N, C-alpha and C. Protein backbone atom coordinates (compact mmCIF):
# COMPACT_ATOMS: atom_id res chain seq x y z
N UNK A 1 16.85 -0.21 2.76
CA UNK A 1 17.37 -0.61 1.57
C UNK A 1 16.35 0.20 0.63
N UNK A 2 17.11 0.89 0.01
CA UNK A 2 16.45 1.75 -1.32
C UNK A 2 17.14 1.47 -2.81
N UNK A 3 16.78 1.45 -3.93
CA UNK A 3 17.28 1.32 -4.95
C UNK A 3 15.97 1.88 -5.86
N UNK A 4 16.37 2.44 -6.80
CA UNK A 4 15.53 2.97 -8.24
C UNK A 4 14.07 3.24 -7.77
N UNK A 5 13.68 3.94 -6.68
CA UNK A 5 12.66 4.10 -6.24
C UNK A 5 11.48 3.33 -5.42
N UNK A 6 12.44 1.96 -5.26
CA UNK A 6 12.35 1.27 -4.20
C UNK A 6 12.53 1.15 -2.99
N UNK A 7 11.60 1.11 -1.98
CA UNK A 7 12.23 1.29 -0.48
C UNK A 7 11.85 -0.16 0.17
N UNK A 8 12.56 -0.63 0.56
CA UNK A 8 12.38 -1.94 1.05
C UNK A 8 12.34 -2.06 2.34
N UNK A 9 11.39 -2.23 3.31
CA UNK A 9 11.65 -2.20 4.58
C UNK A 9 11.66 -3.57 5.80
N UNK A 10 12.87 -3.75 5.81
CA UNK A 10 13.24 -4.70 6.00
C UNK A 10 13.69 -4.86 8.05
N UNK A 11 12.66 -4.00 8.55
CA UNK A 11 12.58 -4.06 9.94
C UNK A 11 12.17 -5.61 10.78
N UNK A 12 13.13 -5.93 11.35
CA UNK A 12 13.13 -7.68 11.90
C UNK A 12 11.57 -7.47 12.49
N UNK A 13 10.75 -7.06 12.70
CA UNK A 13 9.80 -7.16 13.49
C UNK A 13 8.43 -7.50 12.33
N UNK A 14 8.92 -6.75 11.28
CA UNK A 14 7.94 -7.09 9.82
C UNK A 14 8.18 -8.17 9.22
N UNK A 15 9.83 -8.37 9.21
CA UNK A 15 10.26 -9.69 8.78
C UNK A 15 9.43 -10.81 9.38
N UNK A 16 9.65 -10.65 10.44
CA UNK A 16 9.00 -11.99 11.54
C UNK A 16 7.58 -12.37 11.36
N UNK A 17 6.69 -11.13 11.14
CA UNK A 17 5.23 -11.13 10.98
C UNK A 17 5.04 -11.54 9.44
N UNK A 18 5.70 -11.16 8.33
CA UNK A 18 5.96 -11.74 7.13
C UNK A 18 6.06 -13.18 6.80
N UNK A 19 7.10 -13.52 7.90
CA UNK A 19 7.47 -15.27 7.44
C UNK A 19 5.94 -16.02 7.85
N UNK A 20 5.48 -15.54 9.09
CA UNK A 20 4.26 -16.27 9.68
C UNK A 20 2.80 -15.98 8.55
N UNK A 21 3.19 -14.85 7.86
CA UNK A 21 2.04 -14.24 6.88
C UNK A 21 2.05 -15.57 5.66
N UNK A 22 3.29 -15.87 5.08
CA UNK A 22 3.85 -16.80 4.14
C UNK A 22 3.08 -18.13 4.67
N UNK A 23 3.01 -18.75 5.93
CA UNK A 23 3.08 -19.90 6.02
C UNK A 23 1.33 -19.96 5.46
N UNK A 24 1.88 -21.59 4.92
CA UNK A 24 0.08 -21.64 4.16
C UNK A 24 -0.73 -22.27 5.62
N UNK A 25 -0.39 -22.47 6.10
CA UNK A 25 -1.28 -23.15 7.34
C UNK A 25 -1.93 -22.32 8.38
N UNK A 26 -1.55 -20.63 8.10
CA UNK A 26 -1.95 -19.56 8.81
C UNK A 26 -3.87 -19.37 8.37
N UNK A 27 -4.59 -19.47 8.83
CA UNK A 27 -6.50 -19.55 8.67
C UNK A 27 -6.18 -18.16 8.03
N UNK A 28 -7.62 -17.85 7.72
CA UNK A 28 -7.99 -16.37 7.34
C UNK A 28 -7.56 -15.32 8.49
N UNK A 29 -8.30 -15.83 9.65
CA UNK A 29 -8.09 -14.50 10.60
C UNK A 29 -6.99 -14.33 11.51
N UNK A 30 -5.60 -15.40 11.21
CA UNK A 30 -4.10 -14.91 11.18
C UNK A 30 -3.67 -14.17 10.21
N UNK A 31 -4.10 -14.73 9.10
CA UNK A 31 -3.34 -13.91 8.44
C UNK A 31 -3.94 -12.53 7.91
N UNK A 32 -5.36 -12.18 8.01
CA UNK A 32 -6.08 -11.03 8.36
C UNK A 32 -4.96 -10.11 9.32
N UNK A 33 -5.06 -10.87 10.51
CA UNK A 33 -4.39 -9.85 11.79
C UNK A 33 -3.04 -9.67 11.20
N UNK A 34 -2.11 -10.00 10.63
CA UNK A 34 -0.80 -10.25 10.27
C UNK A 34 -0.71 -9.06 8.87
N UNK A 35 -1.51 -9.00 8.37
CA UNK A 35 -1.83 -8.03 7.39
C UNK A 35 -1.97 -6.85 7.94
N UNK A 36 -2.80 -6.69 8.58
CA UNK A 36 -2.95 -5.32 9.61
C UNK A 36 -1.92 -4.67 10.34
N UNK A 37 -1.31 -5.74 10.69
CA UNK A 37 0.07 -5.55 11.90
C UNK A 37 1.16 -5.24 10.70
N UNK A 38 1.20 -5.60 10.00
CA UNK A 38 2.69 -5.60 8.91
C UNK A 38 2.07 -3.81 8.29
N UNK A 39 0.83 -3.64 8.32
CA UNK A 39 0.46 -2.34 7.25
C UNK A 39 0.44 -1.37 8.46
N UNK A 40 0.14 -1.65 9.28
CA UNK A 40 0.80 -0.10 10.66
C UNK A 40 2.00 -0.34 10.99
N UNK A 41 2.60 -1.36 10.79
CA UNK A 41 4.16 -1.13 11.28
C UNK A 41 4.88 -0.68 10.12
N UNK A 42 4.65 -0.45 8.77
CA UNK A 42 4.92 0.10 7.74
C UNK A 42 4.58 1.50 7.48
N UNK A 43 3.84 1.94 8.24
CA UNK A 43 3.18 3.06 8.06
C UNK A 43 4.66 4.10 8.24
N UNK A 44 5.51 4.13 9.62
CA UNK A 44 6.49 4.94 9.90
C UNK A 44 7.33 5.17 8.59
N UNK A 45 7.74 4.16 8.05
CA UNK A 45 8.81 4.49 7.10
C UNK A 45 8.23 5.07 6.12
N UNK A 46 6.91 4.77 5.62
CA UNK A 46 6.47 5.23 4.74
C UNK A 46 5.96 6.69 4.44
N UNK A 47 5.89 7.28 5.68
CA UNK A 47 5.67 8.58 5.62
C UNK A 47 6.56 9.26 6.41
N UNK A 48 8.08 8.67 6.52
CA UNK A 48 9.14 9.44 7.12
C UNK A 48 9.18 10.62 6.71
N UNK A 49 9.35 10.93 5.42
CA UNK A 49 9.64 12.26 4.97
C UNK A 49 8.53 13.16 4.47
N UNK A 50 7.59 13.05 4.80
CA UNK A 50 5.96 14.02 4.92
C UNK A 50 6.35 15.10 5.18
N UNK A 51 6.00 16.42 4.72
CA UNK A 51 6.12 17.75 5.34
C UNK A 51 5.44 17.76 6.61
N UNK A 52 5.89 18.70 7.34
CA UNK A 52 4.76 19.39 8.37
C UNK A 52 4.80 20.53 8.35
N UNK A 53 4.26 21.05 9.23
CA UNK A 53 3.88 22.62 9.79
C UNK A 53 4.21 22.64 11.15
N UNK A 54 4.30 23.66 11.43
CA UNK A 54 3.76 23.78 13.27
C UNK A 54 2.85 24.44 13.52
N UNK A 55 2.47 23.78 14.78
CA UNK A 55 1.28 24.53 15.49
C UNK A 55 1.18 24.49 16.90
N UNK A 56 0.66 25.15 17.43
CA UNK A 56 0.64 25.90 18.83
C UNK A 56 0.11 24.81 19.44
N UNK A 57 0.60 24.77 20.84
CA UNK A 57 -0.11 23.59 21.71
C UNK A 57 0.02 23.98 23.32
N UNK A 58 -0.89 24.00 23.76
CA UNK A 58 -0.73 24.25 25.43
C UNK A 58 -0.43 23.17 26.34
N UNK A 59 0.85 22.78 26.64
CA UNK A 59 0.75 21.62 27.35
C UNK A 59 0.34 22.03 29.18
N UNK A 60 0.58 21.50 29.82
CA UNK A 60 -0.16 21.48 31.36
C UNK A 60 0.99 22.58 31.93
N UNK A 61 1.41 23.00 31.28
CA UNK A 61 2.72 23.48 32.00
C UNK A 61 3.01 25.35 31.19
N UNK A 62 2.82 24.79 29.83
CA UNK A 62 2.77 26.44 28.92
C UNK A 62 2.55 26.30 27.81
N UNK A 63 2.45 27.26 27.09
CA UNK A 63 2.23 27.13 25.42
C UNK A 63 3.90 27.14 25.03
N UNK A 64 3.38 26.16 23.63
CA UNK A 64 4.78 25.69 22.66
C UNK A 64 4.13 25.28 21.54
N UNK A 65 4.99 25.14 20.69
CA UNK A 65 4.65 25.16 19.02
C UNK A 65 5.57 23.86 18.66
N UNK A 66 4.28 22.80 18.19
CA UNK A 66 4.64 21.42 17.73
C UNK A 66 4.55 21.39 16.27
N UNK A 67 4.86 20.05 16.08
CA UNK A 67 4.32 19.93 14.32
C UNK A 67 3.82 18.92 14.16
N UNK A 68 3.09 19.21 12.81
CA UNK A 68 1.90 18.30 12.33
C UNK A 68 1.74 18.42 10.85
N UNK A 69 1.31 17.24 10.04
CA UNK A 69 1.39 17.00 8.95
C UNK A 69 0.83 17.81 8.15
N UNK A 70 1.44 18.34 7.00
CA UNK A 70 1.30 19.82 6.40
C UNK A 70 0.24 19.35 5.43
N UNK A 71 -0.01 18.17 5.30
CA UNK A 71 -1.57 17.77 4.25
C UNK A 71 -2.06 16.97 4.63
N UNK A 72 -3.41 16.92 4.00
CA UNK A 72 -4.35 15.98 4.50
C UNK A 72 -3.97 14.73 3.79
N UNK A 73 -4.30 13.75 4.41
CA UNK A 73 -4.24 11.95 3.72
C UNK A 73 -5.08 11.67 3.08
N UNK A 74 -5.30 10.79 2.09
CA UNK A 74 -6.17 10.09 1.50
C UNK A 74 -5.69 8.56 1.23
N UNK A 75 -6.27 7.24 1.89
CA UNK A 75 -5.67 6.29 1.59
C UNK A 75 -6.59 5.37 0.53
N UNK A 76 -6.06 5.02 -0.47
CA UNK A 76 -7.00 4.31 -1.52
C UNK A 76 -6.59 2.62 -1.56
N UNK A 77 -7.33 2.02 -1.13
CA UNK A 77 -6.95 0.97 -0.84
C UNK A 77 -7.33 -0.05 -3.13
N UNK A 78 -6.87 -1.07 -3.35
CA UNK A 78 -7.11 -1.48 -4.63
C UNK A 78 -8.04 -2.60 -4.06
N UNK A 79 -9.61 -2.50 -4.63
CA UNK A 79 -9.93 -3.72 -3.97
C UNK A 79 -9.75 -4.89 -4.66
N UNK A 80 -9.57 -6.30 -4.15
CA UNK A 80 -10.86 -6.11 -2.76
C UNK A 80 -9.49 -6.10 -1.72
N UNK A 81 -8.42 -6.92 -1.91
CA UNK A 81 -7.13 -7.21 -1.24
C UNK A 81 -6.95 -6.32 -0.51
N UNK A 82 -6.52 -4.92 -0.88
CA UNK A 82 -6.15 -3.40 -0.27
C UNK A 82 -6.91 -3.65 0.75
N UNK A 83 -8.03 -3.43 0.91
CA UNK A 83 -8.99 -3.70 2.26
C UNK A 83 -8.21 -4.29 3.46
N UNK A 84 -7.39 -5.15 3.08
CA UNK A 84 -6.98 -5.84 4.42
C UNK A 84 -6.00 -4.77 5.24
N UNK A 85 -5.34 -4.15 4.55
CA UNK A 85 -4.37 -3.31 4.54
C UNK A 85 -4.96 -2.08 5.37
N UNK A 86 -6.24 -1.73 4.98
CA UNK A 86 -6.40 -0.13 5.71
C UNK A 86 -6.69 0.29 6.88
N UNK A 87 -6.92 -0.54 7.94
CA UNK A 87 -7.56 -0.64 8.92
C UNK A 87 -6.22 -0.29 9.76
N UNK A 88 -5.03 -0.88 9.54
CA UNK A 88 -4.12 -0.33 9.59
C UNK A 88 -3.08 0.27 9.66
N UNK A 89 -3.35 1.16 8.57
CA UNK A 89 -2.75 2.17 8.52
C UNK A 89 -3.38 3.25 8.84
N UNK A 90 -4.59 3.08 8.87
CA UNK A 90 -6.00 4.21 9.61
C UNK A 90 -5.81 4.08 11.29
N UNK A 91 -4.79 3.03 11.65
CA UNK A 91 -4.95 3.02 12.95
C UNK A 91 -3.75 4.06 13.38
N UNK A 92 -3.02 4.55 12.27
CA UNK A 92 -1.62 5.24 12.40
C UNK A 92 -2.24 6.94 12.34
N UNK A 93 -3.00 6.40 10.96
CA UNK A 93 -3.40 7.92 10.60
C UNK A 93 -4.92 7.77 10.57
N UNK A 94 -5.67 8.25 11.67
CA UNK A 94 -6.76 8.18 12.02
C UNK A 94 -7.92 9.32 10.99
N UNK A 95 -6.77 10.48 10.77
CA UNK A 95 -7.83 11.09 10.17
C UNK A 95 -7.93 11.32 8.91
N UNK A 96 -7.33 10.05 7.98
CA UNK A 96 -7.16 10.15 6.83
C UNK A 96 -8.62 9.84 6.20
N UNK A 97 -8.87 9.95 4.96
CA UNK A 97 -10.06 9.55 4.07
C UNK A 97 -10.00 8.22 3.48
N UNK A 98 -10.89 7.85 3.35
CA UNK A 98 -10.51 6.29 2.28
C UNK A 98 -11.44 6.52 0.86
N UNK A 99 -10.51 6.34 -0.21
CA UNK A 99 -11.30 6.19 -1.16
C UNK A 99 -11.10 4.94 -1.82
N UNK A 100 -11.78 4.56 -2.66
CA UNK A 100 -11.79 3.06 -3.24
C UNK A 100 -11.83 3.00 -4.53
N UNK A 101 -10.66 1.89 -5.19
CA UNK A 101 -10.38 1.41 -6.58
C UNK A 101 -10.79 -0.01 -6.48
N UNK A 102 -11.70 -0.11 -7.53
CA UNK A 102 -11.95 -1.62 -7.98
C UNK A 102 -11.23 -1.72 -9.00
N UNK A 103 -9.98 -2.97 -9.21
CA UNK A 103 -9.19 -3.26 -10.19
C UNK A 103 -8.95 -4.84 -10.06
N UNK A 104 -9.35 -5.54 -11.53
CA UNK A 104 -9.14 -6.97 -10.58
C UNK A 104 -8.21 -7.41 -11.87
N UNK A 105 -7.51 -8.35 -11.99
CA UNK A 105 -6.46 -8.72 -13.35
C UNK A 105 -7.54 -9.75 -13.74
N UNK A 106 -7.62 -9.95 -15.09
CA UNK A 106 -8.04 -11.00 -15.93
C UNK A 106 -7.33 -12.35 -15.69
N UNK A 107 -8.00 -13.34 -15.35
CA UNK A 107 -7.13 -14.63 -15.33
C UNK A 107 -6.63 -15.32 -16.62
N UNK A 108 -7.13 -14.74 -17.57
CA UNK A 108 -6.70 -15.35 -18.89
C UNK A 108 -5.72 -14.17 -19.57
N UNK A 109 -6.02 -12.78 -19.60
CA UNK A 109 -4.93 -11.99 -19.99
C UNK A 109 -4.24 -11.46 -19.29
N UNK A 110 -4.18 -11.69 -18.08
CA UNK A 110 -3.72 -10.99 -17.18
C UNK A 110 -3.58 -9.59 -16.92
N UNK A 111 -4.36 -8.59 -17.80
CA UNK A 111 -4.91 -7.41 -17.92
C UNK A 111 -5.68 -6.73 -16.69
N UNK A 112 -5.23 -5.41 -16.38
CA UNK A 112 -6.02 -5.07 -15.41
C UNK A 112 -7.77 -4.69 -16.00
N UNK A 113 -8.93 -4.82 -14.85
CA UNK A 113 -9.94 -4.41 -15.64
C UNK A 113 -10.31 -3.61 -14.29
N UNK A 114 -10.86 -2.32 -14.68
CA UNK A 114 -11.64 -1.39 -13.45
C UNK A 114 -13.38 -1.44 -13.59
N UNK A 115 -13.33 -1.79 -12.34
CA UNK A 115 -15.04 -2.05 -12.01
C UNK A 115 -15.77 -1.24 -11.11
N UNK A 116 -14.75 -0.44 -10.17
CA UNK A 116 -15.36 0.46 -9.11
C UNK A 116 -14.41 1.76 -8.84
N UNK A 117 -14.64 2.56 -8.87
CA UNK A 117 -14.03 4.17 -8.38
C UNK A 117 -15.16 5.00 -7.59
N UNK A 118 -14.28 5.17 -6.49
CA UNK A 118 -15.21 6.19 -5.15
C UNK A 118 -13.90 6.87 -4.22
N UNK A 119 -13.85 8.13 -5.15
CA UNK A 119 -12.40 8.72 -4.31
C UNK A 119 -13.32 10.19 -4.04
N UNK A 120 -12.70 10.87 -2.66
CA UNK A 120 -12.77 12.19 -2.28
C UNK A 120 -12.47 13.09 -3.09
N UNK A 121 -13.59 14.42 -3.16
CA UNK A 121 -13.62 15.31 -4.31
C UNK A 121 -12.19 16.13 -4.12
N UNK A 122 -11.73 16.21 -3.21
CA UNK A 122 -10.61 17.02 -3.26
C UNK A 122 -9.41 15.96 -2.99
N UNK A 123 -9.13 15.18 -3.81
CA UNK A 123 -8.23 14.09 -3.06
C UNK A 123 -6.68 15.08 -3.89
N UNK A 124 -6.99 15.36 -4.76
CA UNK A 124 -5.85 16.17 -5.46
C UNK A 124 -4.65 16.92 -4.57
N UNK A 125 -5.41 17.66 -3.81
CA UNK A 125 -5.06 18.72 -2.62
C UNK A 125 -4.50 17.73 -1.43
N UNK A 126 -4.19 16.55 -1.17
CA UNK A 126 -3.51 15.32 -0.26
C UNK A 126 -2.75 14.44 -0.75
N UNK A 127 -1.67 13.99 0.13
CA UNK A 127 -0.72 13.11 0.10
C UNK A 127 -1.68 11.83 0.05
N UNK A 128 -1.34 10.82 -0.86
CA UNK A 128 -2.00 9.69 -1.37
C UNK A 128 -1.05 8.53 -0.93
N UNK A 129 -1.66 7.40 -0.72
CA UNK A 129 -1.58 6.22 -0.11
C UNK A 129 -2.16 5.04 -1.21
N UNK A 130 -1.37 4.68 -2.09
CA UNK A 130 -2.32 3.57 -2.77
C UNK A 130 -1.92 2.15 -2.15
N UNK A 131 -2.89 1.52 -1.61
CA UNK A 131 -2.39 -0.19 -0.63
C UNK A 131 -2.99 -1.07 -1.73
N UNK A 132 -2.10 -2.12 -1.65
CA UNK A 132 -2.37 -3.42 -1.93
C UNK A 132 -1.71 -4.28 -1.61
N UNK A 133 -1.62 -5.36 -1.07
CA UNK A 133 -0.75 -6.43 -0.38
C UNK A 133 0.16 -6.93 -1.36
N UNK A 134 0.05 -7.09 -2.48
CA UNK A 134 0.89 -7.73 -3.78
C UNK A 134 0.87 -7.02 -4.86
N UNK A 135 2.55 -6.80 -5.22
CA UNK A 135 2.51 -6.43 -6.12
C UNK A 135 3.21 -7.00 -7.47
N UNK A 136 2.39 -7.88 -8.55
CA UNK A 136 2.77 -9.07 -9.01
C UNK A 136 2.61 -8.79 -10.52
N UNK A 137 2.06 -8.41 -11.21
CA UNK A 137 2.24 -8.38 -12.72
C UNK A 137 2.41 -6.90 -12.91
N UNK A 138 2.01 -6.22 -11.77
CA UNK A 138 2.27 -4.13 -11.95
C UNK A 138 0.84 -3.82 -12.64
N UNK A 139 -0.16 -4.76 -13.43
CA UNK A 139 -1.29 -4.21 -13.91
C UNK A 139 -2.23 -3.07 -13.50
N UNK A 140 -2.20 -4.11 -12.28
CA UNK A 140 -3.67 -3.19 -11.43
C UNK A 140 -3.17 -1.83 -10.83
N UNK A 141 -1.92 -2.24 -10.44
CA UNK A 141 -0.95 -0.72 -9.72
C UNK A 141 -1.13 0.36 -10.77
N UNK A 142 -0.50 -0.25 -12.07
CA UNK A 142 -0.75 0.83 -13.12
C UNK A 142 -1.61 1.66 -13.51
N UNK A 143 -2.88 0.69 -13.44
CA UNK A 143 -4.05 1.26 -13.97
C UNK A 143 -4.75 1.83 -12.87
N UNK A 144 -4.47 1.77 -11.45
CA UNK A 144 -4.60 2.64 -10.39
C UNK A 144 -4.02 4.12 -10.07
N UNK A 145 -2.79 3.73 -10.68
CA UNK A 145 -1.77 5.19 -10.40
C UNK A 145 -2.19 6.10 -11.60
N UNK A 146 -3.09 5.74 -12.64
CA UNK A 146 -3.39 6.36 -13.73
C UNK A 146 -4.65 6.96 -13.68
N UNK A 147 -5.08 5.94 -12.95
CA UNK A 147 -6.75 6.71 -12.70
C UNK A 147 -6.44 7.75 -11.74
N UNK A 148 -5.53 7.50 -10.74
CA UNK A 148 -5.34 9.03 -9.32
C UNK A 148 -5.04 10.09 -10.55
N UNK A 149 -3.90 9.82 -11.34
CA UNK A 149 -3.30 10.90 -12.09
C UNK A 149 -4.42 11.53 -13.17
N UNK A 150 -5.36 10.81 -13.33
CA UNK A 150 -6.99 11.69 -14.11
C UNK A 150 -7.55 12.57 -13.10
N UNK A 151 -7.30 12.13 -12.17
CA UNK A 151 -8.16 12.89 -10.92
C UNK A 151 -7.47 14.31 -10.25
N UNK A 152 -6.37 13.90 -10.74
CA UNK A 152 -5.40 15.39 -10.31
C UNK A 152 -4.30 15.30 -9.35
N UNK A 153 -3.99 14.01 -8.40
CA UNK A 153 -3.39 13.55 -7.76
C UNK A 153 -1.70 13.55 -8.28
N UNK A 154 -0.84 14.65 -7.19
CA UNK A 154 0.44 14.46 -7.63
C UNK A 154 1.17 13.62 -6.85
N UNK A 155 0.81 13.22 -5.48
CA UNK A 155 1.91 12.97 -4.57
C UNK A 155 0.80 11.59 -4.22
N UNK A 156 1.41 10.38 -4.96
CA UNK A 156 1.51 9.04 -4.88
C UNK A 156 2.53 8.28 -4.15
N UNK A 157 2.00 7.67 -3.37
CA UNK A 157 2.85 6.33 -2.68
C UNK A 157 2.22 4.99 -3.08
N UNK A 158 2.99 3.82 -3.77
CA UNK A 158 2.18 2.79 -3.69
C UNK A 158 3.19 1.78 -2.55
N UNK A 159 1.88 1.38 -1.64
CA UNK A 159 2.63 0.27 -0.21
C UNK A 159 2.15 -1.14 -0.69
N UNK A 160 3.19 -1.98 -0.48
CA UNK A 160 2.26 -3.17 -0.63
C UNK A 160 3.28 -4.18 0.50
N UNK A 161 2.83 -5.33 0.66
CA UNK A 161 3.78 -6.25 1.54
C UNK A 161 4.64 -7.37 0.31
N UNK A 162 4.02 -7.44 -0.56
CA UNK A 162 5.36 -8.27 -1.30
C UNK A 162 5.20 -7.87 -2.69
N UNK A 163 6.44 -7.90 -3.31
CA UNK A 163 6.52 -7.15 -4.86
C UNK A 163 7.29 -8.31 -5.50
N UNK A 164 7.00 -8.32 -6.65
CA UNK A 164 7.76 -9.12 -7.65
C UNK A 164 8.36 -8.00 -8.50
N UNK A 165 9.57 -8.46 -8.52
CA UNK A 165 10.85 -7.71 -9.86
C UNK A 165 9.56 -7.09 -10.87
N UNK A 166 8.79 -8.29 -11.75
CA UNK A 166 8.11 -7.83 -12.74
C UNK A 166 7.41 -6.88 -12.61
N UNK A 167 6.62 -6.87 -11.47
CA UNK A 167 5.60 -6.11 -11.51
C UNK A 167 6.24 -4.56 -10.47
N UNK A 168 7.21 -4.48 -10.17
CA UNK A 168 8.01 -2.94 -9.86
C UNK A 168 8.08 -2.47 -11.49
N UNK A 169 9.17 -3.53 -11.87
CA UNK A 169 9.55 -2.97 -13.70
C UNK A 169 8.06 -2.52 -14.20
N UNK A 170 7.06 -3.13 -14.55
CA UNK A 170 5.83 -2.32 -15.19
C UNK A 170 5.35 -1.39 -14.40
N UNK A 171 5.28 -1.32 -13.08
CA UNK A 171 4.69 0.19 -12.73
C UNK A 171 5.82 1.44 -12.83
N UNK A 172 6.91 0.74 -12.99
CA UNK A 172 7.99 2.15 -12.85
C UNK A 172 8.04 2.31 -14.50
N UNK A 173 7.84 1.62 -15.55
CA UNK A 173 7.74 1.93 -17.33
C UNK A 173 6.60 2.61 -17.21
N UNK A 174 5.57 2.60 -17.03
CA UNK A 174 4.66 3.32 -16.72
C UNK A 174 4.42 5.05 -16.03
N UNK A 175 5.30 4.89 -14.65
CA UNK A 175 5.27 5.39 -13.36
C UNK A 175 6.46 5.89 -12.94
N UNK A 176 7.38 6.35 -13.57
CA UNK A 176 8.70 5.73 -13.01
C UNK A 176 8.85 6.84 -11.48
N UNK A 177 7.81 8.47 -11.49
CA UNK A 177 8.14 8.76 -10.19
C UNK A 177 7.31 8.26 -9.17
N UNK A 178 6.39 7.21 -9.11
CA UNK A 178 6.05 6.75 -8.10
C UNK A 178 6.56 5.84 -7.23
N UNK A 179 7.00 5.86 -5.90
CA UNK A 179 8.03 4.93 -5.08
C UNK A 179 6.87 3.82 -4.80
N UNK A 180 7.59 3.23 -4.77
CA UNK A 180 7.34 1.61 -4.17
C UNK A 180 7.73 1.27 -2.63
N UNK A 181 7.14 1.23 -1.80
CA UNK A 181 7.14 0.65 -0.39
C UNK A 181 6.52 -0.80 -0.29
N UNK A 182 7.93 -1.67 0.20
CA UNK A 182 7.15 -3.09 0.40
C UNK A 182 8.34 -3.91 1.63
N UNK A 183 7.77 -4.99 1.73
CA UNK A 183 8.53 -5.45 3.16
C UNK A 183 9.36 -6.59 2.26
N UNK A 184 8.95 -6.88 1.01
CA UNK A 184 9.97 -8.02 0.31
C UNK A 184 9.82 -7.79 -1.15
N UNK A 185 10.64 -8.46 -1.86
CA UNK A 185 10.92 -7.85 -3.28
C UNK A 185 11.33 -9.87 -3.66
N UNK A 186 10.18 -10.67 -3.91
CA UNK A 186 10.30 -11.80 -4.14
C UNK A 186 10.79 -12.28 -5.29
N UNK A 187 11.31 -13.63 -5.54
CA UNK A 187 12.45 -13.82 -6.70
C UNK A 187 11.69 -13.71 -8.54
N UNK A 188 10.20 -14.14 -8.53
CA UNK A 188 9.47 -14.24 -9.79
C UNK A 188 8.14 -14.31 -9.63
N UNK A 189 7.44 -14.39 -10.89
CA UNK A 189 6.04 -14.33 -11.02
C UNK A 189 5.93 -16.02 -11.81
N UNK A 190 5.16 -16.62 -11.55
CA UNK A 190 5.14 -17.82 -12.52
C UNK A 190 4.35 -17.65 -13.45
N UNK A 191 3.76 -18.84 -14.22
CA UNK A 191 2.98 -18.58 -15.55
C UNK A 191 1.78 -18.11 -15.37
N UNK A 192 1.08 -18.04 -14.46
CA UNK A 192 -0.03 -17.59 -13.98
C UNK A 192 -0.02 -15.90 -13.37
N UNK A 193 0.68 -15.58 -13.40
CA UNK A 193 1.08 -14.33 -12.67
C UNK A 193 1.06 -13.95 -10.79
N UNK A 194 1.25 -15.27 -10.24
CA UNK A 194 1.56 -15.36 -8.96
C UNK A 194 3.22 -15.42 -8.79
N UNK A 195 3.00 -14.35 -7.75
CA UNK A 195 4.54 -14.14 -6.87
C UNK A 195 4.95 -15.23 -6.23
N UNK A 196 6.34 -15.78 -6.62
CA UNK A 196 6.67 -16.91 -5.89
C UNK A 196 8.23 -16.36 -4.95
N UNK A 197 8.44 -16.48 -3.99
CA UNK A 197 7.64 -17.48 -3.10
C UNK A 197 6.24 -17.02 -2.86
N UNK A 198 5.79 -15.83 -2.39
CA UNK A 198 4.65 -15.24 -2.34
C UNK A 198 4.31 -15.71 -0.92
N UNK A 199 2.80 -15.25 -1.29
CA UNK A 199 2.12 -15.57 -0.25
C UNK A 199 0.71 -16.39 -0.26
N UNK A 200 0.39 -16.93 -2.08
CA UNK A 200 -0.83 -17.23 -2.47
C UNK A 200 -1.29 -16.30 -2.70
N UNK A 201 -3.23 -16.40 -2.83
CA UNK A 201 -3.72 -15.64 -3.44
C UNK A 201 -4.20 -14.70 -1.97
N UNK A 202 -3.66 -13.35 -1.89
CA UNK A 202 -3.88 -12.64 -0.43
C UNK A 202 -5.40 -12.24 -0.54
N UNK A 203 -5.97 -12.10 -1.45
CA UNK A 203 -7.69 -11.89 -1.29
C UNK A 203 -8.52 -12.80 -0.69
N UNK A 204 -7.96 -14.14 -1.44
CA UNK A 204 -8.65 -15.40 -0.54
C UNK A 204 -8.04 -15.73 0.19
N UNK A 205 -7.18 -15.64 0.98
CA UNK A 205 -6.55 -15.94 2.15
C UNK A 205 -7.34 -14.91 3.32
N UNK A 206 -7.33 -13.70 3.05
CA UNK A 206 -7.74 -12.32 3.76
C UNK A 206 -9.18 -12.77 4.00
N UNK A 207 -10.12 -13.48 3.22
CA UNK A 207 -11.73 -13.45 3.31
C UNK A 207 -12.11 -14.86 3.31
N UNK A 208 -11.36 -15.56 3.23
CA UNK A 208 -11.59 -17.24 3.66
C UNK A 208 -12.24 -17.35 2.35
N UNK A 209 -12.07 -16.92 1.06
CA UNK A 209 -12.83 -17.55 -0.20
C UNK A 209 -12.11 -18.47 -0.81
């Protein structure tokens, strides 16, 4: 399903794992494993239309020409919850470099606060996947995209597991060209900025805090 630059990945296996992820009885070990697995499964759709280039290869029988990704890949998790998706993505894209952006949401103002940035020096020439399990208010995501743009990045895809309509709207108000890939678009945010029905606090559930 795709509309307004939002790609909903509704694969049956992903949806099954997402249902398990929502369950409040899942401990941090199971939650972490499910986030990892869902992130891996989403990679296929997220990268489906990436450009490729030819590369000669010698098979056991003869020489032929295959296809490989045309550009290098940089994975940028939004700290801290984004780290939970990183290994799952790297399993499919093991040559990707890893940048980090630390952005948290002020619990009173709900506004993003940036506290850490470390990116590869040539990130502007790569395909960038910005990852975070949740797209809630959209503040942290928008701030992270803005930071990547300042670093010269032109190809950004935002990958999350669960998105709120408010978060999608907020991100696309500032960055309409950035596609959002998600496994679910939930109903709404509550007054504290949490997604309903959602997953709870993804960072706390990932790390047992």
